[in-house]
Protein backbone atom coordinates (compact mmCIF):
# COMPACT_ATOMS: atom_id res chain seq x y z
CA MET A 1 0.11 -0.09 0.13
CA ASN A 2 2.89 2.30 0.73
CA SER A 3 4.15 2.30 -3.03
CA ILE A 4 0.72 3.17 -4.19
CA TRP A 5 0.48 5.97 -1.66
CA LYS A 6 3.94 7.24 -2.64
CA SER A 7 3.31 7.01 -6.57
CA LEU A 8 0.09 9.27 -6.27
CA LYS A 9 -0.04 13.00 -6.07
CA PRO A 10 -2.31 14.59 -3.58
CA GLY A 11 -5.63 14.35 -5.07
CA GLY A 12 -4.36 11.31 -7.04
CA ARG A 13 -6.92 8.48 -7.51
CA PHE A 14 -6.48 4.82 -6.75
CA VAL A 15 -8.67 2.40 -8.51
CA ALA A 16 -8.56 -1.56 -8.09
CA GLU A 17 -10.75 -4.45 -8.89
CA PHE A 18 -9.88 -7.95 -7.45
CA GLY A 19 -11.15 -11.16 -5.83
CA GLY A 20 -13.48 -10.03 -2.70
CA LYS A 21 -14.73 -12.13 0.10
CA GLY A 22 -16.12 -15.45 -0.76
CA ASN A 23 -14.13 -15.47 -4.38
CA VAL A 24 -14.26 -19.00 -5.56
CA GLN A 25 -15.27 -20.33 -2.10
CA THR A 26 -16.96 -23.24 -3.71
CA ILE A 27 -13.82 -24.40 -5.37
CA VAL A 28 -11.59 -23.94 -2.36
CA ASN A 29 -13.65 -25.78 -0.01
CA ALA A 30 -13.89 -28.76 -2.23
CA LEU A 31 -10.08 -28.49 -2.97
CA GLU A 32 -9.08 -28.56 0.59
CA GLU A 33 -11.51 -31.31 1.63
CA VAL A 34 -10.08 -33.57 -1.45
CA MET A 35 -6.41 -32.61 -0.42
CA GLU A 36 -6.99 -33.36 3.41
CA ARG A 37 -8.68 -36.55 2.51
CA ASN A 38 -6.11 -37.98 -0.14
CA THR A 39 -2.86 -36.56 1.33
CA GLY A 40 -3.46 -36.02 5.19
CA ILE A 41 -2.21 -32.21 4.33
CA ARG A 42 -4.26 -29.29 6.08
CA ALA A 43 -4.55 -27.77 2.82
CA SER A 44 -6.06 -24.42 4.45
CA GLU A 45 -2.70 -23.89 5.77
CA ARG A 46 -1.23 -23.70 2.18
CA ASN A 47 -4.02 -21.12 0.98
CA SER A 48 -1.95 -17.97 0.37
CA TRP A 49 -5.10 -16.19 -1.40
CA TYR A 50 -6.42 -13.07 0.04
CA PHE A 51 -9.94 -12.08 -0.62
CA PRO A 52 -10.99 -9.11 1.58
CA SER A 53 -14.47 -7.86 2.39
CA ILE A 54 -15.24 -4.03 1.65
CA GLY A 55 -14.80 -3.20 5.38
CA GLU A 56 -11.46 -5.13 5.54
CA TYR A 57 -9.92 -3.34 2.43
CA SER A 58 -11.46 0.10 3.23
CA HIS A 59 -9.89 -0.14 6.59
CA ILE A 60 -6.24 -0.90 5.02
CA LEU A 61 -6.65 2.03 2.73
CA GLU A 62 -7.95 4.55 5.59
CA GLN A 63 -5.30 3.44 7.81
CA ARG A 64 -2.74 4.58 5.26
CA GLY A 65 -4.57 7.88 4.64
CA PHE A 66 -6.73 7.30 1.64
CA VAL A 67 -10.63 8.45 1.61
CA VAL A 68 -12.55 5.72 -0.01
CA ARG A 69 -15.04 7.07 -2.32
CA HIS A 70 -16.53 3.89 -3.62
CA ALA A 71 -16.62 0.10 -2.86
CA TYR A 72 -18.73 -2.47 -4.50
CA HIS A 73 -18.66 -6.22 -4.01
CA TYR A 74 -20.47 -8.41 -6.71
CA ASP A 75 -20.82 -11.81 -8.07
CA ARG A 76 -19.32 -12.53 -11.27
CA PRO A 77 -19.54 -16.01 -12.42
CA THR A 78 -16.85 -16.76 -14.90
CA ARG A 79 -17.15 -19.38 -17.63
CA LEU A 80 -14.21 -21.90 -17.56
CA GLU A 81 -13.23 -23.50 -20.89
CA ASP A 82 -13.09 -27.20 -21.74
CA GLY A 83 -16.58 -28.18 -20.45
CA GLU A 84 -16.42 -30.74 -17.48
CA GLN A 85 -12.70 -30.32 -17.24
CA GLY A 86 -12.73 -26.66 -16.49
CA ILE A 87 -11.89 -26.90 -12.82
CA VAL A 88 -8.91 -29.09 -13.61
CA GLY A 89 -7.33 -26.44 -15.81
CA TRP A 90 -8.17 -23.72 -13.64
CA LEU A 91 -6.73 -25.58 -10.46
CA THR A 92 -3.75 -26.69 -12.56
CA HIS A 93 -3.26 -22.79 -13.44
CA PHE A 94 -3.94 -21.14 -10.19
CA GLY A 95 -3.44 -23.73 -7.53
CA GLY A 96 0.34 -23.79 -7.15
CA ASP A 97 0.70 -23.18 -3.43
CA TYR A 98 -1.82 -25.94 -2.86
CA PHE A 99 0.34 -28.37 -4.73
CA GLU A 100 3.75 -27.83 -3.67
CA GLY A 101 5.63 -31.17 -3.39
CA LEU A 102 3.05 -33.08 -4.82
CA SER A 103 3.52 -35.18 -7.79
CA HIS A 104 1.84 -34.56 -11.30
CA GLU A 105 -0.37 -37.71 -10.79
CA GLU A 106 -1.33 -36.69 -7.34
CA ILE A 107 -2.32 -33.26 -8.60
CA GLN A 108 -4.21 -34.52 -11.49
CA GLN A 109 -6.14 -36.90 -9.28
CA ILE A 110 -6.91 -34.06 -6.64
CA CYS A 111 -8.03 -31.69 -9.49
CA HIS A 112 -10.38 -34.26 -10.90
CA GLU A 113 -11.89 -35.26 -7.59
CA THR A 114 -12.43 -31.63 -6.93
CA SER A 115 -14.09 -31.19 -10.18
CA GLN A 116 -16.55 -33.77 -9.48
CA ILE A 117 -17.52 -32.11 -6.25
CA VAL A 118 -17.96 -28.60 -7.63
CA LYS A 119 -19.81 -29.74 -10.69
CA PRO A 120 -23.24 -29.92 -9.13
CA HIS A 121 -22.83 -26.56 -7.82
CA LEU A 122 -21.19 -24.68 -10.59
CA TRP A 123 -22.66 -26.18 -13.79
CA LYS A 124 -24.93 -24.03 -15.55
CA ASP A 125 -26.49 -24.66 -19.12
CA ASP A 126 -23.54 -26.31 -20.93
CA ALA A 127 -20.42 -25.07 -18.78
CA LEU A 128 -18.74 -24.78 -15.45
CA TYR A 129 -18.73 -21.39 -14.01
CA ALA A 130 -16.23 -20.52 -11.36
CA ASP A 131 -17.89 -18.67 -8.45
CA TYR A 132 -16.02 -15.29 -8.62
CA LYS A 133 -16.74 -12.60 -6.39
CA ARG A 134 -15.19 -9.22 -7.23
CA LEU A 135 -14.24 -5.92 -5.22
CA ARG A 136 -14.29 -2.90 -6.96
CA ILE A 137 -12.75 0.17 -5.12
CA GLU A 138 -11.84 3.64 -5.70
CA ALA A 139 -9.93 5.81 -3.14
CA VAL A 140 -8.33 9.22 -3.06
CA LYS A 141 -5.20 10.53 -1.56
CA PRO A 142 -6.16 13.77 0.12
CA GLU A 143 -4.86 17.05 -1.23
């Protein structure tokens, strides 16, 4: 946050959008369940993702001196490519910290089992949709 503060002139505006509270929670819950069952690893301890609420992130900005002008938390279901295999590709791409030290075969098995758990919850029409929750925020550095 300090580098953003230092880069802005007085009156400068900071606008950001990123994962908000509850982002991909269905996927995270299933992945952690499968990992703990299959490996004995407390997968929740490997979760490095931070998806704050409006209140949490506004507090961080305000502590640094920003004035929060707008904050918006919303659902943005996001279609995953590859049909039923969409979660496998998504996890393979984004799940790095979870899979540290596991073999390729173990990772693929975990991803496939996770996909089977989330499919009834995230399948709509003809595809899997990740349960993205977004936080969009605008803050100003006072003059």
